[in-house]
Amino acid sequence: VQLQASGGGLVQAGGSLRLSCAASGSTVRIYAMGWYRQAPGKQRELVAVTTGSSTNYTDSVKGRFTLSRDSATNIVYLQMNSLKPEDTALYYCYGRIFGSTLMVKDYWGQGTLVTVSS
C-alpha cells in the first residue's frame, strides 16, 4: 500500500489550497483516510480524518477546511480555505488500511509542505 500526496505550496494568508492523497496497491479495505500535520518544533497533530460515515476535524480548522473522499478512486481531498500563518506545516496523508498483509495497518504518505505567509 502506498499513499501519494500532492498539492502543497506557498499561499498568502486568506488564500486557499487543495491537497490530494491517493491510496494505491493492495487496499482491500480502507477504514480511515485523512491528514495530519506537523509544524516546526511541534508534535504531529490530526487535521481531518474520515471513516466514510463520519469525519473528525481538529478545532482550529473547523469551518475552514473540508475533507472529502472519492471511494471509487481511493483519493481524499483536503480543501483548505481562509488559510492562516499558523496552518504552516508539513502535511502528511494518513490511511488505516487492510491490505495484502492481512492486517489493519496505519500508513503514511510523504509530507507535503504548506506555507502560509502573512
N, C-alpha and C. Protein backbone atom coordinates (compact mmCIF):
# COMPACT_ATOMS: atom_id res chain seq x y z
N VAL A 1 0.85 -1.19 0.00
CA VAL A 1 0.00 0.00 0.00
C VAL A 1 0.89 1.24 0.00
N GLN A 2 0.53 2.18 -0.84
CA GLN A 2 1.25 3.47 -0.86
C GLN A 2 0.25 4.61 -0.84
N LEU A 3 0.65 5.68 -0.18
CA LEU A 3 -0.14 6.90 -0.17
C LEU A 3 0.68 7.99 -0.84
N GLN A 4 0.12 8.55 -1.90
CA GLN A 4 0.81 9.58 -2.66
C GLN A 4 0.10 10.91 -2.47
N ALA A 5 0.81 11.85 -1.84
CA ALA A 5 0.22 13.15 -1.55
C ALA A 5 0.71 14.20 -2.52
N SER A 6 -0.12 15.19 -2.74
CA SER A 6 0.26 16.31 -3.60
C SER A 6 -0.57 17.53 -3.24
N GLY A 7 -0.11 18.69 -3.73
CA GLY A 7 -0.93 19.90 -3.61
C GLY A 7 -0.43 20.96 -2.66
N GLY A 8 0.67 20.75 -1.98
CA GLY A 8 1.17 21.77 -1.08
C GLY A 8 1.73 22.95 -1.85
N GLY A 9 2.11 23.99 -1.11
CA GLY A 9 2.70 25.15 -1.75
C GLY A 9 2.70 26.35 -0.84
N LEU A 10 2.99 27.48 -1.45
CA LEU A 10 3.06 28.76 -0.73
C LEU A 10 1.83 29.58 -1.10
N VAL A 11 1.18 30.11 -0.08
CA VAL A 11 -0.01 30.91 -0.32
C VAL A 11 -0.06 32.03 0.71
N GLN A 12 -0.69 33.13 0.34
CA GLN A 12 -0.85 34.23 1.29
C GLN A 12 -1.99 33.94 2.26
N ALA A 13 -1.92 34.56 3.41
CA ALA A 13 -2.99 34.41 4.39
C ALA A 13 -4.33 34.79 3.76
N GLY A 14 -5.33 33.99 4.05
CA GLY A 14 -6.64 34.19 3.46
C GLY A 14 -6.87 33.41 2.18
N GLY A 15 -5.79 32.85 1.65
CA GLY A 15 -5.90 32.09 0.41
C GLY A 15 -6.34 30.67 0.62
N SER A 16 -6.32 29.90 -0.46
CA SER A 16 -6.79 28.51 -0.44
C SER A 16 -5.80 27.59 -1.12
N LEU A 17 -5.81 26.35 -0.68
CA LEU A 17 -5.06 25.27 -1.30
C LEU A 17 -5.88 24.01 -1.21
N ARG A 18 -5.62 23.08 -2.11
CA ARG A 18 -6.26 21.77 -2.03
C ARG A 18 -5.18 20.70 -2.06
N LEU A 19 -5.21 19.84 -1.06
CA LEU A 19 -4.30 18.70 -1.00
C LEU A 19 -5.04 17.45 -1.48
N SER A 20 -4.28 16.58 -2.15
CA SER A 20 -4.83 15.31 -2.60
C SER A 20 -3.96 14.18 -2.09
N CYS A 21 -4.60 13.05 -1.84
CA CYS A 21 -3.86 11.87 -1.42
C CYS A 21 -4.51 10.65 -2.04
N ALA A 22 -3.73 9.90 -2.78
CA ALA A 22 -4.23 8.71 -3.45
C ALA A 22 -3.63 7.47 -2.83
N ALA A 23 -4.48 6.51 -2.48
CA ALA A 23 -4.03 5.23 -1.96
C ALA A 23 -3.95 4.24 -3.11
N SER A 24 -2.84 3.53 -3.17
CA SER A 24 -2.68 2.55 -4.24
C SER A 24 -2.10 1.27 -3.67
N GLY A 25 -2.11 0.23 -4.50
CA GLY A 25 -1.63 -1.07 -4.04
C GLY A 25 -2.79 -1.92 -3.59
N SER A 26 -2.49 -2.86 -2.71
CA SER A 26 -3.50 -3.81 -2.28
C SER A 26 -4.33 -3.24 -1.14
N THR A 27 -5.25 -2.37 -1.49
CA THR A 27 -6.11 -1.74 -0.48
C THR A 27 -7.42 -2.52 -0.42
N VAL A 28 -7.41 -3.60 0.32
CA VAL A 28 -8.59 -4.44 0.39
C VAL A 28 -9.76 -3.67 1.00
N ARG A 29 -9.44 -2.99 2.11
CA ARG A 29 -10.48 -2.18 2.75
C ARG A 29 -9.81 -0.99 3.42
N ILE A 30 -10.37 0.18 3.18
CA ILE A 30 -9.87 1.40 3.81
C ILE A 30 -10.80 1.78 4.94
N TYR A 31 -10.29 1.77 6.15
CA TYR A 31 -11.12 2.09 7.31
C TYR A 31 -11.15 3.60 7.57
N ALA A 32 -10.06 4.28 7.28
CA ALA A 32 -10.00 5.72 7.51
C ALA A 32 -8.91 6.32 6.64
N MET A 33 -9.14 7.55 6.23
CA MET A 33 -8.11 8.30 5.49
C MET A 33 -8.22 9.76 5.86
N GLY A 34 -7.11 10.44 5.79
CA GLY A 34 -7.16 11.86 6.09
C GLY A 34 -5.78 12.47 6.16
N TRP A 35 -5.66 13.49 6.98
CA TRP A 35 -4.42 14.28 7.04
C TRP A 35 -4.04 14.61 8.48
N TYR A 36 -2.75 14.56 8.72
CA TYR A 36 -2.13 15.08 9.92
C TYR A 36 -1.16 16.17 9.47
N ARG A 37 -0.70 16.96 10.43
CA ARG A 37 0.30 17.97 10.10
C ARG A 37 1.29 18.13 11.26
N GLN A 38 2.46 18.60 10.90
CA GLN A 38 3.49 18.84 11.90
C GLN A 38 4.19 20.14 11.59
N ALA A 39 4.03 21.09 12.50
CA ALA A 39 4.70 22.38 12.36
C ALA A 39 6.07 22.29 13.03
N PRO A 40 7.00 23.15 12.64
CA PRO A 40 8.34 23.12 13.24
C PRO A 40 8.27 23.22 14.76
N GLY A 41 8.95 22.32 15.42
CA GLY A 41 9.01 22.35 16.88
C GLY A 41 7.78 21.85 17.58
N LYS A 42 6.82 21.32 16.82
CA LYS A 42 5.58 20.84 17.42
C LYS A 42 5.35 19.37 17.09
N GLN A 43 4.45 18.76 17.84
CA GLN A 43 4.11 17.37 17.59
C GLN A 43 3.15 17.27 16.41
N ARG A 44 3.16 16.10 15.79
CA ARG A 44 2.22 15.85 14.71
C ARG A 44 0.81 15.84 15.29
N GLU A 45 -0.12 16.49 14.58
CA GLU A 45 -1.50 16.55 15.06
C GLU A 45 -2.47 16.19 13.94
N LEU A 46 -3.61 15.65 14.35
CA LEU A 46 -4.67 15.34 13.40
C LEU A 46 -5.24 16.64 12.85
N VAL A 47 -5.45 16.66 11.54
CA VAL A 47 -6.13 17.78 10.90
C VAL A 47 -7.57 17.37 10.59
N ALA A 48 -7.71 16.30 9.82
CA ALA A 48 -9.04 15.80 9.46
C ALA A 48 -8.90 14.36 9.01
N VAL A 49 -9.79 13.52 9.51
CA VAL A 49 -9.80 12.11 9.13
C VAL A 49 -11.23 11.67 8.96
N THR A 50 -11.48 10.89 7.91
CA THR A 50 -12.82 10.38 7.66
C THR A 50 -12.82 8.86 7.64
N THR A 51 -13.90 8.30 8.18
CA THR A 51 -14.11 6.86 8.11
C THR A 51 -15.07 6.52 6.97
N GLY A 52 -15.57 7.55 6.34
CA GLY A 52 -16.60 7.36 5.32
C GLY A 52 -17.96 7.74 5.86
N SER A 53 -18.24 7.31 7.07
CA SER A 53 -19.52 7.65 7.69
C SER A 53 -19.41 8.87 8.58
N SER A 54 -18.24 9.20 9.00
CA SER A 54 -18.05 10.38 9.83
C SER A 54 -16.66 10.97 9.58
N THR A 55 -16.57 12.27 9.82
CA THR A 55 -15.31 12.98 9.63
C THR A 55 -15.00 13.78 10.89
N ASN A 56 -13.77 13.70 11.32
CA ASN A 56 -13.32 14.39 12.51
C ASN A 56 -12.32 15.48 12.12
N TYR A 57 -12.54 16.69 12.60
CA TYR A 57 -11.64 17.82 12.33
C TYR A 57 -11.06 18.32 13.65
N THR A 58 -9.82 18.78 13.60
CA THR A 58 -9.32 19.47 14.76
C THR A 58 -10.00 20.83 14.86
N ASP A 59 -10.18 21.32 16.07
CA ASP A 59 -10.98 22.53 16.27
C ASP A 59 -10.47 23.72 15.46
N SER A 60 -9.18 23.85 15.32
CA SER A 60 -8.62 25.04 14.69
C SER A 60 -8.92 25.15 13.20
N VAL A 61 -9.38 24.06 12.57
CA VAL A 61 -9.65 24.12 11.13
C VAL A 61 -11.14 24.01 10.82
N LYS A 62 -11.96 23.79 11.83
CA LYS A 62 -13.40 23.64 11.58
C LYS A 62 -13.95 24.91 10.94
N GLY A 63 -14.75 24.72 9.91
CA GLY A 63 -15.33 25.84 9.19
C GLY A 63 -14.43 26.39 8.09
N ARG A 64 -13.17 25.97 8.06
CA ARG A 64 -12.25 26.45 7.03
C ARG A 64 -11.77 25.32 6.11
N PHE A 65 -11.58 24.15 6.66
CA PHE A 65 -11.09 23.01 5.89
C PHE A 65 -12.24 22.02 5.66
N THR A 66 -12.22 21.39 4.50
CA THR A 66 -13.20 20.36 4.19
C THR A 66 -12.50 19.13 3.63
N LEU A 67 -12.76 17.99 4.25
CA LEU A 67 -12.19 16.74 3.78
C LEU A 67 -13.25 15.98 2.99
N SER A 68 -12.88 15.51 1.82
CA SER A 68 -13.80 14.70 1.03
C SER A 68 -13.06 13.46 0.53
N ARG A 69 -13.84 12.44 0.23
CA ARG A 69 -13.24 11.17 -0.18
C ARG A 69 -13.98 10.61 -1.37
N ASP A 70 -13.22 10.21 -2.37
CA ASP A 70 -13.77 9.52 -3.53
C ASP A 70 -13.48 8.04 -3.34
N SER A 71 -14.48 7.29 -2.92
CA SER A 71 -14.27 5.87 -2.62
C SER A 71 -13.95 5.04 -3.86
N ALA A 72 -14.41 5.51 -5.00
CA ALA A 72 -14.18 4.74 -6.23
C ALA A 72 -12.71 4.76 -6.63
N THR A 73 -12.03 5.86 -6.31
CA THR A 73 -10.63 6.01 -6.71
C THR A 73 -9.67 5.99 -5.52
N ASN A 74 -10.21 5.87 -4.31
CA ASN A 74 -9.38 5.87 -3.10
C ASN A 74 -8.53 7.14 -2.99
N ILE A 75 -9.15 8.27 -3.28
CA ILE A 75 -8.48 9.55 -3.16
C ILE A 75 -9.22 10.40 -2.13
N VAL A 76 -8.48 11.06 -1.26
CA VAL A 76 -9.07 12.04 -0.37
C VAL A 76 -8.52 13.42 -0.73
N TYR A 77 -9.38 14.40 -0.54
CA TYR A 77 -9.04 15.78 -0.84
C TYR A 77 -9.23 16.61 0.42
N LEU A 78 -8.29 17.50 0.68
CA LEU A 78 -8.44 18.44 1.78
C LEU A 78 -8.48 19.84 1.19
N GLN A 79 -9.67 20.42 1.17
CA GLN A 79 -9.82 21.79 0.69
C GLN A 79 -9.58 22.72 1.86
N MET A 80 -8.59 23.57 1.73
CA MET A 80 -8.21 24.46 2.82
C MET A 80 -8.47 25.91 2.39
N ASN A 81 -9.41 26.54 3.06
CA ASN A 81 -9.76 27.93 2.78
C ASN A 81 -9.40 28.81 3.96
N SER A 82 -9.37 30.10 3.70
CA SER A 82 -9.07 31.07 4.76
C SER A 82 -7.81 30.67 5.54
N LEU A 83 -6.79 30.34 4.81
CA LEU A 83 -5.56 29.86 5.45
C LEU A 83 -4.92 30.93 6.30
N LYS A 84 -4.32 30.48 7.39
CA LYS A 84 -3.66 31.36 8.34
C LYS A 84 -2.18 30.97 8.45
N PRO A 85 -1.33 31.89 8.86
CA PRO A 85 0.09 31.54 9.02
C PRO A 85 0.29 30.34 9.95
N GLU A 86 -0.57 30.19 10.93
CA GLU A 86 -0.43 29.07 11.86
C GLU A 86 -0.80 27.73 11.24
N ASP A 87 -1.31 27.74 10.02
CA ASP A 87 -1.55 26.49 9.30
C ASP A 87 -0.28 25.98 8.61
N THR A 88 0.77 26.78 8.65
CA THR A 88 2.03 26.37 8.04
C THR A 88 2.56 25.12 8.71
N ALA A 89 2.81 24.09 7.90
CA ALA A 89 3.25 22.81 8.44
C ALA A 89 3.54 21.86 7.30
N LEU A 90 4.13 20.74 7.67
CA LEU A 90 4.27 19.62 6.75
C LEU A 90 3.01 18.76 6.95
N TYR A 91 2.27 18.57 5.88
CA TYR A 91 1.02 17.82 5.95
C TYR A 91 1.26 16.39 5.46
N TYR A 92 0.81 15.44 6.27
CA TYR A 92 1.00 14.03 5.98
C TYR A 92 -0.33 13.35 5.72
N CYS A 93 -0.39 12.64 4.61
CA CYS A 93 -1.56 11.82 4.33
C CYS A 93 -1.52 10.58 5.22
N TYR A 94 -2.68 10.15 5.68
CA TYR A 94 -2.78 9.01 6.59
C TYR A 94 -3.88 8.07 6.11
N GLY A 95 -3.62 6.79 6.31
CA GLY A 95 -4.65 5.81 6.00
C GLY A 95 -4.58 4.62 6.94
N ARG A 96 -5.73 4.18 7.40
CA ARG A 96 -5.82 2.93 8.17
C ARG A 96 -6.45 1.91 7.24
N ILE A 97 -5.63 0.95 6.81
CA ILE A 97 -5.99 0.12 5.65
C ILE A 97 -5.73 -1.35 5.93
N PHE A 98 -6.67 -2.18 5.47
CA PHE A 98 -6.48 -3.63 5.47
C PHE A 98 -6.04 -4.00 4.07
N GLY A 99 -4.80 -4.52 3.99
CA GLY A 99 -4.25 -4.83 2.68
C GLY A 99 -3.73 -6.24 2.58
N SER A 100 -2.77 -6.42 1.71
CA SER A 100 -2.27 -7.75 1.42
C SER A 100 -1.52 -8.38 2.59
N THR A 101 -1.18 -7.59 3.58
CA THR A 101 -0.52 -8.15 4.77
C THR A 101 -1.50 -8.90 5.65
N LEU A 102 -2.78 -8.78 5.32
CA LEU A 102 -3.87 -9.40 6.09
C LEU A 102 -3.95 -8.85 7.50
N MET A 103 -3.52 -7.61 7.63
CA MET A 103 -3.63 -6.91 8.91
C MET A 103 -4.10 -5.49 8.64
N VAL A 104 -4.74 -4.91 9.62
CA VAL A 104 -5.08 -3.49 9.54
C VAL A 104 -3.85 -2.71 10.02
N LYS A 105 -3.36 -1.85 9.15
CA LYS A 105 -2.16 -1.08 9.49
C LYS A 105 -2.37 0.39 9.21
N ASP A 106 -1.59 1.20 9.90
CA ASP A 106 -1.57 2.63 9.63
C ASP A 106 -0.47 2.92 8.61
N TYR A 107 -0.83 3.65 7.58
CA TYR A 107 0.11 4.03 6.54
C TYR A 107 0.23 5.54 6.47
N TRP A 108 1.42 6.00 6.06
CA TRP A 108 1.68 7.42 5.93
C TRP A 108 2.26 7.72 4.57
N GLY A 109 1.82 8.83 4.00
CA GLY A 109 2.41 9.30 2.76
C GLY A 109 3.58 10.22 3.07
N GLN A 110 4.26 10.64 2.02
CA GLN A 110 5.33 11.61 2.23
C GLN A 110 4.69 12.94 2.58
N GLY A 111 5.36 13.76 3.30
CA GLY A 111 4.81 15.05 3.68
C GLY A 111 4.77 16.01 2.51
N THR A 112 3.77 16.87 2.54
CA THR A 112 3.71 17.94 1.55
C THR A 112 3.65 19.26 2.32
N LEU A 113 4.52 20.18 1.94
CA LEU A 113 4.68 21.41 2.71
C LEU A 113 3.65 22.46 2.32
N VAL A 114 2.99 22.98 3.33
CA VAL A 114 2.08 24.11 3.16
C VAL A 114 2.67 25.29 3.92
N THR A 115 2.90 26.38 3.22
CA THR A 115 3.45 27.59 3.82
C THR A 115 2.48 28.74 3.59
N VAL A 116 2.05 29.37 4.67
CA VAL A 116 1.11 30.48 4.58
C VAL A 116 1.81 31.74 5.06
N SER A 117 1.95 32.69 4.17
CA SER A 117 2.64 33.93 4.51
C SER A 117 1.65 34.97 5.00
N SER A 118 2.12 35.81 5.90
CA SER A 118 1.23 36.83 6.47
C SER A 118 1.30 38.12 5.67
